[in-house]
């Protein structure tokens, strides 16, 4: 799964569906269509957070390996 799909799934899980006149839309669909700048900004934040968490995990792993030596 690519990052956009991961982000869309996270956004949809967090925000839920929106029903307008009986038609259901996902939050990611609405945000992309109505405010693509906000969508891209939130996506960039999401990617930065993922990278930060990955870097922290690698740092912890390096520390654990250093303690074992």
PDB file of N, CA and C in Angstrom:
ATOM      1  N   UNK A   1       0.854  -1.186   0.000  1.00  0.00           N
ATOM      2  CA  UNK A   1       0.000   0.000   0.000  1.00  0.00           C
ATOM      3  C   UNK A   1       0.896   1.244   0.000  1.00  0.00           C
ATOM      4  N   UNK A   2       0.543   2.233  -0.783  1.00  0.00           N
ATOM      5  CA  UNK A   2       1.387   3.423  -0.826  1.00  0.00           C
ATOM      6  C   UNK A   2       1.004   4.401   0.287  1.00  0.00           C
ATOM      7  N   UNK A   3       1.846   5.416   0.446  1.00  0.00           N
ATOM      8  CA  UNK A   3       1.661   6.371   1.539  1.00  0.00           C
ATOM      9  C   UNK A   3       0.350   7.140   1.449  1.00  0.00           C
ATOM     10  N   UNK A   4      -0.064   7.491   0.215  1.00  0.00           N
ATOM     11  CA  UNK A   4      -1.327   8.209   0.085  1.00  0.00           C
ATOM     12  C   UNK A   4      -2.487   7.352   0.567  1.00  0.00           C
ATOM     13  N   UNK A   5      -2.481   6.074   0.209  1.00  0.00           N
ATOM     14  CA  UNK A   5      -3.554   5.185   0.675  1.00  0.00           C
ATOM     15  C   UNK A   5      -3.524   5.028   2.187  1.00  0.00           C
ATOM     16  N   UNK A   6      -2.322   4.914   2.756  1.00  0.00           N
ATOM     17  CA  UNK A   6      -2.194   4.822   4.216  1.00  0.00           C
ATOM     18  C   UNK A   6      -2.748   6.076   4.876  1.00  0.00           C
ATOM     19  N   UNK A   7      -2.382   7.228   4.320  1.00  0.00           N
ATOM     20  CA  UNK A   7      -2.862   8.500   4.865  1.00  0.00           C
ATOM     21  C   UNK A   7      -4.377   8.601   4.746  1.00  0.00           C
ATOM     22  N   UNK A   8      -4.901   8.277   3.557  1.00  0.00           N
ATOM     23  CA  UNK A   8      -6.350   8.337   3.355  1.00  0.00           C
ATOM     24  C   UNK A   8      -7.074   7.433   4.346  1.00  0.00           C
ATOM     25  N   UNK A   9      -6.555   6.219   4.532  1.00  0.00           N
ATOM     26  CA  UNK A   9      -7.176   5.289   5.482  1.00  0.00           C
ATOM     27  C   UNK A   9      -7.151   5.850   6.900  1.00  0.00           C
ATOM     28  N   UNK A  10      -6.016   6.431   7.296  1.00  0.00           N
ATOM     29  CA  UNK A  10      -5.909   7.021   8.634  1.00  0.00           C
ATOM     30  C   UNK A  10      -6.870   8.191   8.807  1.00  0.00           C
ATOM     31  N   UNK A  11      -6.918   9.051   7.805  1.00  0.00           N
ATOM     32  CA  UNK A  11      -7.812  10.207   7.850  1.00  0.00           C
ATOM     33  C   UNK A  11      -9.271   9.754   7.915  1.00  0.00           C
ATOM     34  N   UNK A  12      -9.616   8.770   7.102  1.00  0.00           N
ATOM     35  CA  UNK A  12     -10.990   8.260   7.087  1.00  0.00           C
ATOM     36  C   UNK A  12     -11.350   7.600   8.416  1.00  0.00           C
ATOM     37  N   UNK A  13     -10.407   6.851   8.988  1.00  0.00           N
ATOM     38  CA  UNK A  13     -10.656   6.221  10.295  1.00  0.00           C
ATOM     39  C   UNK A  13     -10.849   7.274  11.378  1.00  0.00           C
ATOM     40  N   UNK A  14     -10.032   8.320  11.324  1.00  0.00           N
ATOM     41  CA  UNK A  14     -10.090   9.356  12.349  1.00  0.00           C
ATOM     42  C   UNK A  14     -11.334  10.222  12.213  1.00  0.00           C
ATOM     43  N   UNK A  15     -11.677  10.570  10.984  1.00  0.00           N
ATOM     44  CA  UNK A  15     -12.778  11.511  10.761  1.00  0.00           C
ATOM     45  C   UNK A  15     -14.114  10.845  10.470  1.00  0.00           C
ATOM     46  N   UNK A  16     -14.080   9.646   9.956  1.00  0.00           N
ATOM     47  CA  UNK A  16     -15.325   8.961   9.629  1.00  0.00           C
ATOM     48  C   UNK A  16     -15.907   9.426   8.312  1.00  0.00           C
ATOM     49  N   UNK A  17     -17.013   8.808   7.959  1.00  0.00           N
ATOM     50  CA  UNK A  17     -17.694   9.147   6.712  1.00  0.00           C
ATOM     51  C   UNK A  17     -18.594  10.364   6.903  1.00  0.00           C
ATOM     52  N   UNK A  18     -18.887  11.010   5.789  1.00  0.00           N
ATOM     53  CA  UNK A  18     -19.804  12.146   5.772  1.00  0.00           C
ATOM     54  C   UNK A  18     -20.946  11.779   4.825  1.00  0.00           C
ATOM     55  N   UNK A  19     -22.168  11.969   5.276  1.00  0.00           N
ATOM     56  CA  UNK A  19     -23.328  11.656   4.448  1.00  0.00           C
ATOM     57  C   UNK A  19     -24.008  12.971   4.057  1.00  0.00           C
ATOM     58  N   UNK A  20     -24.164  13.166   2.756  1.00  0.00           N
ATOM     59  CA  UNK A  20     -24.818  14.362   2.232  1.00  0.00           C
ATOM     60  C   UNK A  20     -25.953  13.890   1.330  1.00  0.00           C
ATOM     61  N   UNK A  21     -27.176  14.226   1.717  1.00  0.00           N
ATOM     62  CA  UNK A  21     -28.358  13.827   0.945  1.00  0.00           C
ATOM     63  C   UNK A  21     -28.369  12.331   0.650  1.00  0.00           C
ATOM     64  N   UNK A  22     -27.963  11.556   1.644  1.00  0.00           N
ATOM     65  CA  UNK A  22     -27.978  10.107   1.508  1.00  0.00           C
ATOM     66  C   UNK A  22     -26.797   9.512   0.766  1.00  0.00           C
ATOM     67  N   UNK A  23     -25.862  10.331   0.322  1.00  0.00           N
ATOM     68  CA  UNK A  23     -24.670   9.850  -0.365  1.00  0.00           C
ATOM     69  C   UNK A  23     -23.500   9.920   0.608  1.00  0.00           C
ATOM     70  N   UNK A  24     -22.795   8.807   0.742  1.00  0.00           N
ATOM     71  CA  UNK A  24     -21.690   8.715   1.692  1.00  0.00           C
ATOM     72  C   UNK A  24     -20.366   9.012   1.005  1.00  0.00           C
ATOM     73  N   UNK A  25     -19.600   9.883   1.631  1.00  0.00           N
ATOM     74  CA  UNK A  25     -18.268  10.236   1.151  1.00  0.00           C
ATOM     75  C   UNK A  25     -17.277  10.002   2.281  1.00  0.00           C
ATOM     76  N   UNK A  26     -16.060   9.637   1.911  1.00  0.00           N
ATOM     77  CA  UNK A  26     -15.005   9.531   2.918  1.00  0.00           C
ATOM     78  C   UNK A  26     -14.407  10.917   3.150  1.00  0.00           C
ATOM     79  N   UNK A  27     -13.840  11.103   4.324  1.00  0.00           N
ATOM     80  CA  UNK A  27     -13.217  12.384   4.661  1.00  0.00           C
ATOM     81  C   UNK A  27     -12.101  12.718   3.677  1.00  0.00           C
ATOM     82  N   UNK A  28     -11.326  11.703   3.295  1.00  0.00           N
ATOM     83  CA  UNK A  28     -10.216  11.973   2.373  1.00  0.00           C
ATOM     84  C   UNK A  28     -10.730  12.424   1.004  1.00  0.00           C
ATOM     85  N   UNK A  29     -11.837  11.844   0.522  1.00  0.00           N
ATOM     86  CA  UNK A  29     -12.412  12.276  -0.756  1.00  0.00           C
ATOM     87  C   UNK A  29     -12.822  13.743  -0.690  1.00  0.00           C
ATOM     88  N   UNK A  30     -13.493  14.096   0.385  1.00  0.00           N
ATOM     89  CA  UNK A  30     -13.989  15.469   0.527  1.00  0.00           C
ATOM     90  C   UNK A  30     -12.839  16.451   0.640  1.00  0.00           C
ATOM     91  N   UNK A  31     -11.865  16.125   1.475  1.00  0.00           N
ATOM     92  CA  UNK A  31     -10.748  17.045   1.668  1.00  0.00           C
ATOM     93  C   UNK A  31      -9.960  17.239   0.373  1.00  0.00           C
ATOM     94  N   UNK A  32      -9.697  16.155  -0.361  1.00  0.00           N
ATOM     95  CA  UNK A  32      -8.977  16.268  -1.642  1.00  0.00           C
ATOM     96  C   UNK A  32      -9.741  17.153  -2.626  1.00  0.00           C
ATOM     97  N   UNK A  33     -11.050  16.977  -2.684  1.00  0.00           N
ATOM     98  CA  UNK A  33     -11.860  17.715  -3.658  1.00  0.00           C
ATOM     99  C   UNK A  33     -12.098  19.166  -3.249  1.00  0.00           C
ATOM    100  N   UNK A  34     -12.337  19.402  -1.965  1.00  0.00           N
ATOM    101  CA  UNK A  34     -12.728  20.744  -1.504  1.00  0.00           C
ATOM    102  C   UNK A  34     -11.556  21.630  -1.106  1.00  0.00           C
ATOM    103  N   UNK A  35     -10.492  21.017  -0.594  1.00  0.00           N
ATOM    104  CA  UNK A  35      -9.343  21.807  -0.148  1.00  0.00           C
ATOM    105  C   UNK A  35      -8.053  21.020  -0.370  1.00  0.00           C
ATOM    106  N   UNK A  36      -7.633  20.914  -1.628  1.00  0.00           N
ATOM    107  CA  UNK A  36      -6.442  20.116  -1.920  1.00  0.00           C
ATOM    108  C   UNK A  36      -5.172  20.631  -1.241  1.00  0.00           C
ATOM    109  N   UNK A  37      -5.113  21.922  -0.960  1.00  0.00           N
ATOM    110  CA  UNK A  37      -3.940  22.466  -0.265  1.00  0.00           C
ATOM    111  C   UNK A  37      -3.887  21.934   1.163  1.00  0.00           C
ATOM    112  N   UNK A  38      -5.015  21.933   1.848  1.00  0.00           N
ATOM    113  CA  UNK A  38      -5.056  21.382   3.204  1.00  0.00           C
ATOM    114  C   UNK A  38      -4.742  19.891   3.183  1.00  0.00           C
ATOM    115  N   UNK A  39      -5.260  19.186   2.183  1.00  0.00           N
ATOM    116  CA  UNK A  39      -4.979  17.757   2.058  1.00  0.00           C
ATOM    117  C   UNK A  39      -3.475  17.522   1.926  1.00  0.00           C
ATOM    118  N   UNK A  40      -2.822  18.259   1.031  1.00  0.00           N
ATOM    119  CA  UNK A  40      -1.378  18.086   0.832  1.00  0.00           C
ATOM    120  C   UNK A  40      -0.591  18.471   2.075  1.00  0.00           C
ATOM    121  N   UNK A  41      -1.031  19.505   2.778  1.00  0.00           N
ATOM    122  CA  UNK A  41      -0.361  19.921   4.003  1.00  0.00           C
ATOM    123  C   UNK A  41      -0.469  18.838   5.084  1.00  0.00           C
ATOM    124  N   UNK A  42      -1.666  18.305   5.268  1.00  0.00           N
ATOM    125  CA  UNK A  42      -1.853  17.233   6.251  1.00  0.00           C
ATOM    126  C   UNK A  42      -1.087  15.977   5.849  1.00  0.00           C
ATOM    127  N   UNK A  43      -1.043  15.688   4.544  1.00  0.00           N
ATOM    128  CA  UNK A  43      -0.289  14.537   4.063  1.00  0.00           C
ATOM    129  C   UNK A  43       1.202  14.722   4.357  1.00  0.00           C
ATOM    130  N   UNK A  44       1.725  15.916   4.138  1.00  0.00           N
ATOM    131  CA  UNK A  44       3.135  16.190   4.428  1.00  0.00           C
ATOM    132  C   UNK A  44       3.422  16.015   5.912  1.00  0.00           C
ATOM    133  N   UNK A  45       2.525  16.501   6.771  1.00  0.00           N
ATOM    134  CA  UNK A  45       2.678  16.304   8.216  1.00  0.00           C
ATOM    135  C   UNK A  45       2.683  14.817   8.563  1.00  0.00           C
ATOM    136  N   UNK A  46       1.790  14.065   7.935  1.00  0.00           N
ATOM    137  CA  UNK A  46       1.691  12.625   8.152  1.00  0.00           C
ATOM    138  C   UNK A  46       3.007  11.940   7.760  1.00  0.00           C
ATOM    139  N   UNK A  47       3.535  12.290   6.605  1.00  0.00           N
ATOM    140  CA  UNK A  47       4.793  11.692   6.141  1.00  0.00           C
ATOM    141  C   UNK A  47       5.949  12.059   7.075  1.00  0.00           C
ATOM    142  N   UNK A  48       6.008  13.326   7.507  1.00  0.00           N
ATOM    143  CA  UNK A  48       7.067  13.756   8.417  1.00  0.00           C
ATOM    144  C   UNK A  48       6.988  13.011   9.740  1.00  0.00           C
ATOM    145  N   UNK A  49       5.775  12.806  10.232  1.00  0.00           N
ATOM    146  CA  UNK A  49       5.593  12.088  11.485  1.00  0.00           C
ATOM    147  C   UNK A  49       6.026  10.631  11.339  1.00  0.00           C
ATOM    148  N   UNK A  50       5.678  10.006  10.211  1.00  0.00           N
ATOM    149  CA  UNK A  50       6.100   8.627   9.964  1.00  0.00           C
ATOM    150  C   UNK A  50       7.623   8.531   9.939  1.00  0.00           C
ATOM    151  N   UNK A  51       8.277   9.484   9.287  1.00  0.00           N
ATOM    152  CA  UNK A  51       9.742   9.478   9.207  1.00  0.00           C
ATOM    153  C   UNK A  51      10.348   9.681  10.588  1.00  0.00           C
ATOM    154  N   UNK A  52       9.777  10.582  11.378  1.00  0.00           N
ATOM    155  CA  UNK A  52      10.258  10.838  12.737  1.00  0.00           C
ATOM    156  C   UNK A  52      10.160   9.572  13.585  1.00  0.00           C
ATOM    157  N   UNK A  53       9.013   8.877  13.501  1.00  0.00           N
ATOM    158  CA  UNK A  53       8.827   7.649  14.266  1.00  0.00           C
ATOM    159  C   UNK A  53       9.803   6.573  13.812  1.00  0.00           C
ATOM    160  N   UNK A  54      10.050   6.480  12.508  1.00  0.00           N
ATOM    161  CA  UNK A  54      10.997   5.498  11.992  1.00  0.00           C
ATOM    162  C   UNK A  54      12.406   5.807  12.491  1.00  0.00           C
ATOM    163  N   UNK A  55      12.785   7.076  12.473  1.00  0.00           N
ATOM    164  CA  UNK A  55      14.103   7.477  12.959  1.00  0.00           C
ATOM    165  C   UNK A  55      14.257   7.157  14.440  1.00  0.00           C
ATOM    166  N   UNK A  56      13.215   7.403  15.226  1.00  0.00           N
ATOM    167  CA  UNK A  56      13.262   7.101  16.657  1.00  0.00           C
ATOM    168  C   UNK A  56      13.417   5.600  16.890  1.00  0.00           C
ATOM    169  N   UNK A  57      12.686   4.795  16.122  1.00  0.00           N
ATOM    170  CA  UNK A  57      12.794   3.341  16.243  1.00  0.00           C
ATOM    171  C   UNK A  57      14.211   2.877  15.926  1.00  0.00           C
ATOM    172  N   UNK A  58      14.815   3.445  14.878  1.00  0.00           N
ATOM    173  CA  UNK A  58      16.182   3.088  14.511  1.00  0.00           C
ATOM    174  C   UNK A  58      17.153   3.505  15.601  1.00  0.00           C
ATOM    175  N   UNK A  59      16.957   4.688  16.201  1.00  0.00           N
ATOM    176  CA  UNK A  59      17.821   5.148  17.287  1.00  0.00           C
ATOM    177  C   UNK A  59      17.724   4.213  18.484  1.00  0.00           C
ATOM    178  N   UNK A  60      16.509   3.800  18.832  1.00  0.00           N
ATOM    179  CA  UNK A  60      16.326   2.873  19.951  1.00  0.00           C
ATOM    180  C   UNK A  60      16.985   1.537  19.661  1.00  0.00           C
ATOM    181  N   UNK A  61      16.875   1.081  18.443  1.00  0.00           N
ATOM    182  CA  UNK A  61      17.491  -0.189  18.052  1.00  0.00           C
ATOM    183  C   UNK A  61      19.002  -0.078  18.142  1.00  0.00           C
ATOM    184  N   UNK A  62      19.573   1.046  17.696  1.00  0.00           N
ATOM    185  CA  UNK A  62      21.012   1.259  17.785  1.00  0.00           C
ATOM    186  C   UNK A  62      21.461   1.273  19.243  1.00  0.00           C
ATOM    187  N   UNK A  63      20.687   1.925  20.117  1.00  0.00           N
ATOM    188  CA  UNK A  63      21.024   1.968  21.534  1.00  0.00           C
ATOM    189  C   UNK A  63      20.991   0.573  22.142  1.00  0.00           C
ATOM    190  N   UNK A  64      19.977  -0.210  21.791  1.00  0.00           N
ATOM    191  CA  UNK A  64      19.871  -1.576  22.300  1.00  0.00           C
ATOM    192  C   UNK A  64      21.056  -2.419  21.843  1.00  0.00           C
ATOM    193  N   UNK A  65      21.473  -2.269  20.606  1.00  0.00           N
ATOM    194  CA  UNK A  65      22.604  -3.024  20.090  1.00  0.00           C
ATOM    195  C   UNK A  65      23.881  -2.589  20.780  1.00  0.00           C
ATOM    196  N   UNK A  66      24.017  -1.294  21.084  1.00  0.00           N
ATOM    197  CA  UNK A  66      25.196  -0.770  21.787  1.00  0.00           C
ATOM    198  C   UNK A  66      25.288  -1.304  23.198  1.00  0.00           C
ATOM    199  N   UNK A  67      24.171  -1.499  23.861  1.00  0.00           N
ATOM    200  CA  UNK A  67      24.154  -2.037  25.217  1.00  0.00           C
ATOM    201  C   UNK A  67      24.536  -3.496  25.248  1.00  0.00           C
ATOM    202  N   UNK A  68      24.290  -4.215  24.155  1.00  0.00           N
ATOM    203  CA  UNK A  68      24.572  -5.632  24.107  1.00  0.00           C
ATOM    204  C   UNK A  68      26.059  -5.914  23.932  1.00  0.00           C
ATOM    205  N   UNK A  69      26.807  -4.951  23.423  1.00  0.00           N
ATOM    206  CA  UNK A  69      28.246  -5.147  23.163  1.00  0.00           C
ATOM    207  C   UNK A  69      29.046  -5.053  24.421  1.00  0.00           C
TER     208      UNK A  69
END
